[in-house]
């Protein structure tokens, strides 16, 4: 199985320039269990093959409607050297977007990958990032799409494992607690 996940094989099959740090992140995400880590990495190669090489995506062509939502903004670097972004949940209304959930998945994958590359380029960085999720204006009727929320969690945990240093929820309306109770079991123990 390891020969099927060599850097050359991965580059040829999905356009991803894998590094030693990537192999370590996937291994750490599965608590050092090599078989599970390689399985997760193979699934990630399939993900990149399905949605296209993230490195070659052109935002205005690949996910124009999601990009127009202005939901994701790079905000800078923390004092600890982690790049961070602000994600405005109220701007995400998957059922109203022509590209639907697939377009938002590409949008999130592109942004998480870009932020991860920024983290890797910072000298002395551990390669992790911070995402502040602003729930101001979020409503159950408009923004509570369970499939989108599950995909967001899956992307953070399985497609970009060990990238998230912190996910911070701010301006949470009271009604969000019910939504959170449903979503919390989807999180792995490290993410909680």
C-alpha atoms as a PDB file:
ATOM      1  CA  UNK A   1       0.000   0.000   0.000  1.00  0.00           C
ATOM      2  CA  UNK A   2       2.878   2.371   0.763  1.00  0.00           C
ATOM      3  CA  UNK A   3       4.215   2.138  -2.798  1.00  0.00           C
ATOM      4  CA  UNK A   4       0.779   3.303  -4.014  1.00  0.00           C
ATOM      5  CA  UNK A   5       1.191   6.484  -1.980  1.00  0.00           C
ATOM      6  CA  UNK A   6       4.672   7.582  -3.011  1.00  0.00           C
ATOM      7  CA  UNK A   7       5.026  11.324  -3.707  1.00  0.00           C
ATOM      8  CA  UNK A   8       5.452  10.609  -7.429  1.00  0.00           C
ATOM      9  CA  UNK A   9       2.326   8.399  -7.573  1.00  0.00           C
ATOM     10  CA  UNK A  10       0.253  11.014  -5.742  1.00  0.00           C
ATOM     11  CA  UNK A  11       1.505  13.842  -7.964  1.00  0.00           C
ATOM     12  CA  UNK A  12       0.722  11.881 -11.133  1.00  0.00           C
ATOM     13  CA  UNK A  13      -2.745  10.798  -9.977  1.00  0.00           C
ATOM     14  CA  UNK A  14      -4.156  13.931  -8.390  1.00  0.00           C
ATOM     15  CA  UNK A  15      -1.643  16.767  -8.775  1.00  0.00           C
ATOM     16  CA  UNK A  16      -0.846  17.036  -5.058  1.00  0.00           C
ATOM     17  CA  UNK A  17       2.774  17.745  -4.127  1.00  0.00           C
ATOM     18  CA  UNK A  18       2.897  15.710  -0.933  1.00  0.00           C
ATOM     19  CA  UNK A  19       5.617  16.426   1.642  1.00  0.00           C
ATOM     20  CA  UNK A  20       7.028  14.499   4.587  1.00  0.00           C
ATOM     21  CA  UNK A  21       5.011  16.809   6.830  1.00  0.00           C
ATOM     22  CA  UNK A  22       1.812  15.670   5.084  1.00  0.00           C
ATOM     23  CA  UNK A  23       2.625  12.018   5.755  1.00  0.00           C
ATOM     24  CA  UNK A  24       3.241  12.887   9.418  1.00  0.00           C
ATOM     25  CA  UNK A  25      -0.041  14.796   9.718  1.00  0.00           C
ATOM     26  CA  UNK A  26      -2.030  11.849   8.404  1.00  0.00           C
ATOM     27  CA  UNK A  27      -0.167   9.442  10.725  1.00  0.00           C
ATOM     28  CA  UNK A  28      -0.745  11.696  13.735  1.00  0.00           C
ATOM     29  CA  UNK A  29      -4.444  11.993  12.873  1.00  0.00           C
ATOM     30  CA  UNK A  30      -4.733   8.226  13.252  1.00  0.00           C
ATOM     31  CA  UNK A  31      -2.595   8.045  16.404  1.00  0.00           C
ATOM     32  CA  UNK A  32       0.386   6.550  14.592  1.00  0.00           C
ATOM     33  CA  UNK A  33      -1.534   3.593  13.166  1.00  0.00           C
ATOM     34  CA  UNK A  34       0.148   3.351   9.772  1.00  0.00           C
ATOM     35  CA  UNK A  35      -2.538   1.232   8.113  1.00  0.00           C
ATOM     36  CA  UNK A  36      -5.293   3.690   9.136  1.00  0.00           C
ATOM     37  CA  UNK A  37      -3.153   6.684   8.145  1.00  0.00           C
ATOM     38  CA  UNK A  38      -2.449   5.258   4.700  1.00  0.00           C
ATOM     39  CA  UNK A  39      -6.141   4.468   4.232  1.00  0.00           C
ATOM     40  CA  UNK A  40      -7.020   8.068   5.157  1.00  0.00           C
ATOM     41  CA  UNK A  41      -4.359   9.401   2.824  1.00  0.00           C
ATOM     42  CA  UNK A  42      -5.606   7.191  -0.017  1.00  0.00           C
ATOM     43  CA  UNK A  43      -9.122   8.577   0.559  1.00  0.00           C
ATOM     44  CA  UNK A  44      -7.668  12.085   0.403  1.00  0.00           C
ATOM     45  CA  UNK A  45      -5.992  11.294  -2.928  1.00  0.00           C
ATOM     46  CA  UNK A  46      -9.413  10.131  -4.203  1.00  0.00           C
ATOM     47  CA  UNK A  47     -10.972  13.344  -2.845  1.00  0.00           C
ATOM     48  CA  UNK A  48      -8.433  15.442  -4.732  1.00  0.00           C
ATOM     49  CA  UNK A  49      -8.961  13.356  -7.857  1.00  0.00           C
ATOM     50  CA  UNK A  50     -12.761  13.807  -7.612  1.00  0.00           C
ATOM     51  CA  UNK A  51     -12.750  17.547  -6.992  1.00  0.00           C
ATOM     52  CA  UNK A  52      -9.712  18.276  -9.112  1.00  0.00           C
ATOM     53  CA  UNK A  53      -6.249  19.331  -8.040  1.00  0.00           C
ATOM     54  CA  UNK A  54      -6.687  22.119  -5.538  1.00  0.00           C
ATOM     55  CA  UNK A  55      -3.437  23.659  -6.746  1.00  0.00           C
ATOM     56  CA  UNK A  56      -4.946  24.140 -10.213  1.00  0.00           C
ATOM     57  CA  UNK A  57      -8.325  25.529  -9.143  1.00  0.00           C
ATOM     58  CA  UNK A  58      -9.344  28.900 -10.465  1.00  0.00           C
ATOM     59  CA  UNK A  59     -11.808  30.333  -7.925  1.00  0.00           C
ATOM     60  CA  UNK A  60     -13.745  32.531 -10.365  1.00  0.00           C
ATOM     61  CA  UNK A  61     -14.341  29.532 -12.645  1.00  0.00           C
ATOM     62  CA  UNK A  62     -14.522  26.555 -10.264  1.00  0.00           C
ATOM     63  CA  UNK A  63     -16.731  28.031  -7.526  1.00  0.00           C
ATOM     64  CA  UNK A  64     -17.926  31.506  -8.546  1.00  0.00           C
ATOM     65  CA  UNK A  65     -21.154  31.479  -6.516  1.00  0.00           C
ATOM     66  CA  UNK A  66     -19.480  30.313  -3.314  1.00  0.00           C
ATOM     67  CA  UNK A  67     -16.713  32.857  -3.852  1.00  0.00           C
ATOM     68  CA  UNK A  68     -19.310  35.613  -4.245  1.00  0.00           C
ATOM     69  CA  UNK A  69     -20.699  34.768  -0.793  1.00  0.00           C
ATOM     70  CA  UNK A  70     -17.579  36.310   0.782  1.00  0.00           C
ATOM     71  CA  UNK A  71     -17.854  33.802   3.600  1.00  0.00           C
ATOM     72  CA  UNK A  72     -14.116  33.181   3.976  1.00  0.00           C
ATOM     73  CA  UNK A  73     -11.541  35.889   4.685  1.00  0.00           C
ATOM     74  CA  UNK A  74      -7.854  35.505   5.450  1.00  0.00           C
ATOM     75  CA  UNK A  75      -7.319  37.666   8.522  1.00  0.00           C
ATOM     76  CA  UNK A  76      -3.606  37.438   9.275  1.00  0.00           C
ATOM     77  CA  UNK A  77      -1.296  35.509  11.555  1.00  0.00           C
ATOM     78  CA  UNK A  78      -1.681  34.976  15.310  1.00  0.00           C
ATOM     79  CA  UNK A  79       1.057  35.856  17.791  1.00  0.00           C
ATOM     80  CA  UNK A  80       1.927  32.150  17.880  1.00  0.00           C
ATOM     81  CA  UNK A  81       2.517  32.130  14.122  1.00  0.00           C
ATOM     82  CA  UNK A  82      -0.682  30.396  13.019  1.00  0.00           C
ATOM     83  CA  UNK A  83      -2.433  31.891   9.998  1.00  0.00           C
ATOM     84  CA  UNK A  84      -6.084  32.499  10.687  1.00  0.00           C
ATOM     85  CA  UNK A  85      -9.225  33.118   8.729  1.00  0.00           C
ATOM     86  CA  UNK A  86     -12.704  34.339   9.562  1.00  0.00           C
ATOM     87  CA  UNK A  87     -15.580  32.235   8.275  1.00  0.00           C
ATOM     88  CA  UNK A  88     -18.949  34.048   8.225  1.00  0.00           C
ATOM     89  CA  UNK A  89     -21.549  31.298   8.516  1.00  0.00           C
ATOM     90  CA  UNK A  90     -24.484  33.596   7.709  1.00  0.00           C
ATOM     91  CA  UNK A  91     -23.159  33.983   4.159  1.00  0.00           C
ATOM     92  CA  UNK A  92     -23.425  30.254   3.470  1.00  0.00           C
ATOM     93  CA  UNK A  93     -26.837  29.266   2.127  1.00  0.00           C
ATOM     94  CA  UNK A  94     -26.144  26.030   0.199  1.00  0.00           C
ATOM     95  CA  UNK A  95     -29.710  25.533  -1.035  1.00  0.00           C
ATOM     96  CA  UNK A  96     -29.699  28.956  -2.740  1.00  0.00           C
ATOM     97  CA  UNK A  97     -26.426  28.546  -4.606  1.00  0.00           C
ATOM     98  CA  UNK A  98     -26.487  27.248  -8.176  1.00  0.00           C
ATOM     99  CA  UNK A  99     -23.377  25.125  -7.635  1.00  0.00           C
ATOM    100  CA  UNK A 100     -24.851  23.657  -4.434  1.00  0.00           C
ATOM    101  CA  UNK A 101     -22.927  21.651  -1.891  1.00  0.00           C
ATOM    102  CA  UNK A 102     -20.250  20.523  -4.364  1.00  0.00           C
ATOM    103  CA  UNK A 103     -19.254  24.100  -5.091  1.00  0.00           C
ATOM    104  CA  UNK A 104     -19.003  24.907  -1.382  1.00  0.00           C
ATOM    105  CA  UNK A 105     -16.872  21.813  -0.760  1.00  0.00           C
ATOM    106  CA  UNK A 106     -14.444  22.975  -3.455  1.00  0.00           C
ATOM    107  CA  UNK A 107     -14.506  26.472  -1.943  1.00  0.00           C
ATOM    108  CA  UNK A 108     -13.726  25.215   1.559  1.00  0.00           C
ATOM    109  CA  UNK A 109     -11.076  22.761   0.340  1.00  0.00           C
ATOM    110  CA  UNK A 110      -9.377  25.516  -1.640  1.00  0.00           C
ATOM    111  CA  UNK A 111      -9.351  27.870   1.337  1.00  0.00           C
ATOM    112  CA  UNK A 112      -8.195  25.246   3.853  1.00  0.00           C
ATOM    113  CA  UNK A 113      -5.433  24.165   1.476  1.00  0.00           C
ATOM    114  CA  UNK A 114      -4.332  27.764   0.859  1.00  0.00           C
ATOM    115  CA  UNK A 115      -4.296  28.506   4.578  1.00  0.00           C
ATOM    116  CA  UNK A 116      -2.360  25.282   5.202  1.00  0.00           C
ATOM    117  CA  UNK A 117       0.245  26.255   2.612  1.00  0.00           C
ATOM    118  CA  UNK A 118       0.547  29.636   4.289  1.00  0.00           C
ATOM    119  CA  UNK A 119       1.109  27.854   7.607  1.00  0.00           C
ATOM    120  CA  UNK A 120       3.791  25.652   6.039  1.00  0.00           C
ATOM    121  CA  UNK A 121       5.597  28.674   4.609  1.00  0.00           C
ATOM    122  CA  UNK A 122       5.982  30.416   7.986  1.00  0.00           C
ATOM    123  CA  UNK A 123       9.444  29.664   9.420  1.00  0.00           C
ATOM    124  CA  UNK A 124       9.222  27.553  12.577  1.00  0.00           C
ATOM    125  CA  UNK A 125       5.496  26.925  12.078  1.00  0.00           C
ATOM    126  CA  UNK A 126       3.860  23.671  13.110  1.00  0.00           C
ATOM    127  CA  UNK A 127       1.692  23.857   9.969  1.00  0.00           C
ATOM    128  CA  UNK A 128      -1.536  24.479  11.870  1.00  0.00           C
ATOM    129  CA  UNK A 129      -4.132  27.187  11.399  1.00  0.00           C
ATOM    130  CA  UNK A 130      -6.911  28.950  13.271  1.00  0.00           C
ATOM    131  CA  UNK A 131     -10.452  29.397  11.955  1.00  0.00           C
ATOM    132  CA  UNK A 132     -12.808  31.837  13.650  1.00  0.00           C
ATOM    133  CA  UNK A 133     -16.404  30.953  12.775  1.00  0.00           C
ATOM    134  CA  UNK A 134     -18.616  34.012  13.142  1.00  0.00           C
ATOM    135  CA  UNK A 135     -22.250  33.012  13.669  1.00  0.00           C
ATOM    136  CA  UNK A 136     -23.660  36.545  13.778  1.00  0.00           C
ATOM    137  CA  UNK A 137     -26.817  36.568  11.648  1.00  0.00           C
ATOM    138  CA  UNK A 138     -26.866  32.759  11.408  1.00  0.00           C
ATOM    139  CA  UNK A 139     -30.360  31.241  11.489  1.00  0.00           C
ATOM    140  CA  UNK A 140     -31.724  27.708  11.511  1.00  0.00           C
ATOM    141  CA  UNK A 141     -34.150  28.338   8.670  1.00  0.00           C
ATOM    142  CA  UNK A 142     -31.556  29.892   6.377  1.00  0.00           C
ATOM    143  CA  UNK A 143     -28.144  28.465   7.237  1.00  0.00           C
ATOM    144  CA  UNK A 144     -28.596  25.186   9.122  1.00  0.00           C
ATOM    145  CA  UNK A 145     -27.756  22.690   6.428  1.00  0.00           C
ATOM    146  CA  UNK A 146     -26.729  19.440   8.127  1.00  0.00           C
ATOM    147  CA  UNK A 147     -25.030  17.983   5.058  1.00  0.00           C
ATOM    148  CA  UNK A 148     -22.917  21.128   4.640  1.00  0.00           C
ATOM    149  CA  UNK A 149     -21.966  21.137   8.335  1.00  0.00           C
ATOM    150  CA  UNK A 150     -20.990  17.456   8.185  1.00  0.00           C
ATOM    151  CA  UNK A 151     -18.900  18.076   5.074  1.00  0.00           C
ATOM    152  CA  UNK A 152     -17.196  21.035   6.764  1.00  0.00           C
ATOM    153  CA  UNK A 153     -16.300  18.823   9.741  1.00  0.00           C
ATOM    154  CA  UNK A 154     -15.213  15.969   7.469  1.00  0.00           C
ATOM    155  CA  UNK A 155     -12.963  18.286   5.482  1.00  0.00           C
ATOM    156  CA  UNK A 156     -11.280  19.596   8.619  1.00  0.00           C
ATOM    157  CA  UNK A 157     -10.826  16.152  10.187  1.00  0.00           C
ATOM    158  CA  UNK A 158     -10.250  13.762   7.291  1.00  0.00           C
ATOM    159  CA  UNK A 159      -9.104  15.740   4.256  1.00  0.00           C
ATOM    160  CA  UNK A 160      -6.921  18.229   6.132  1.00  0.00           C
ATOM    161  CA  UNK A 161      -6.090  16.335   9.334  1.00  0.00           C
ATOM    162  CA  UNK A 162      -3.967  17.916  12.043  1.00  0.00           C
ATOM    163  CA  UNK A 163      -4.230  21.317  10.357  1.00  0.00           C
ATOM    164  CA  UNK A 164      -6.622  22.931  12.804  1.00  0.00           C
ATOM    165  CA  UNK A 165      -4.915  24.494  15.811  1.00  0.00           C
ATOM    166  CA  UNK A 166      -8.172  26.059  16.963  1.00  0.00           C
ATOM    167  CA  UNK A 167     -11.701  26.525  15.716  1.00  0.00           C
ATOM    168  CA  UNK A 168     -13.380  29.369  17.548  1.00  0.00           C
ATOM    169  CA  UNK A 169     -17.145  29.936  17.468  1.00  0.00           C
ATOM    170  CA  UNK A 170     -18.232  33.535  18.161  1.00  0.00           C
ATOM    171  CA  UNK A 171     -21.569  35.380  18.241  1.00  0.00           C
ATOM    172  CA  UNK A 172     -23.480  32.121  18.704  1.00  0.00           C
ATOM    173  CA  UNK A 173     -27.243  32.630  18.849  1.00  0.00           C
ATOM    174  CA  UNK A 174     -29.054  30.596  21.489  1.00  0.00           C
ATOM    175  CA  UNK A 175     -30.791  28.492  18.832  1.00  0.00           C
ATOM    176  CA  UNK A 176     -27.346  27.307  17.664  1.00  0.00           C
ATOM    177  CA  UNK A 177     -27.026  25.139  20.795  1.00  0.00           C
ATOM    178  CA  UNK A 178     -29.566  22.658  19.411  1.00  0.00           C
ATOM    179  CA  UNK A 179     -27.713  22.501  16.084  1.00  0.00           C
ATOM    180  CA  UNK A 180     -24.412  22.052  17.954  1.00  0.00           C
ATOM    181  CA  UNK A 181     -25.798  19.120  19.968  1.00  0.00           C
ATOM    182  CA  UNK A 182     -26.608  17.335  16.728  1.00  0.00           C
ATOM    183  CA  UNK A 183     -23.220  18.112  15.145  1.00  0.00           C
ATOM    184  CA  UNK A 184     -20.943  17.512  18.154  1.00  0.00           C
ATOM    185  CA  UNK A 185     -21.007  13.675  17.866  1.00  0.00           C
ATOM    186  CA  UNK A 186     -19.531  14.046  14.352  1.00  0.00           C
ATOM    187  CA  UNK A 187     -16.338  15.503  15.842  1.00  0.00           C
ATOM    188  CA  UNK A 188     -13.472  13.218  16.788  1.00  0.00           C
ATOM    189  CA  UNK A 189     -12.125  13.397  20.344  1.00  0.00           C
ATOM    190  CA  UNK A 190      -9.099  15.514  19.372  1.00  0.00           C
ATOM    191  CA  UNK A 191     -11.239  18.107  17.601  1.00  0.00           C
ATOM    192  CA  UNK A 192     -13.688  18.459  20.497  1.00  0.00           C
END
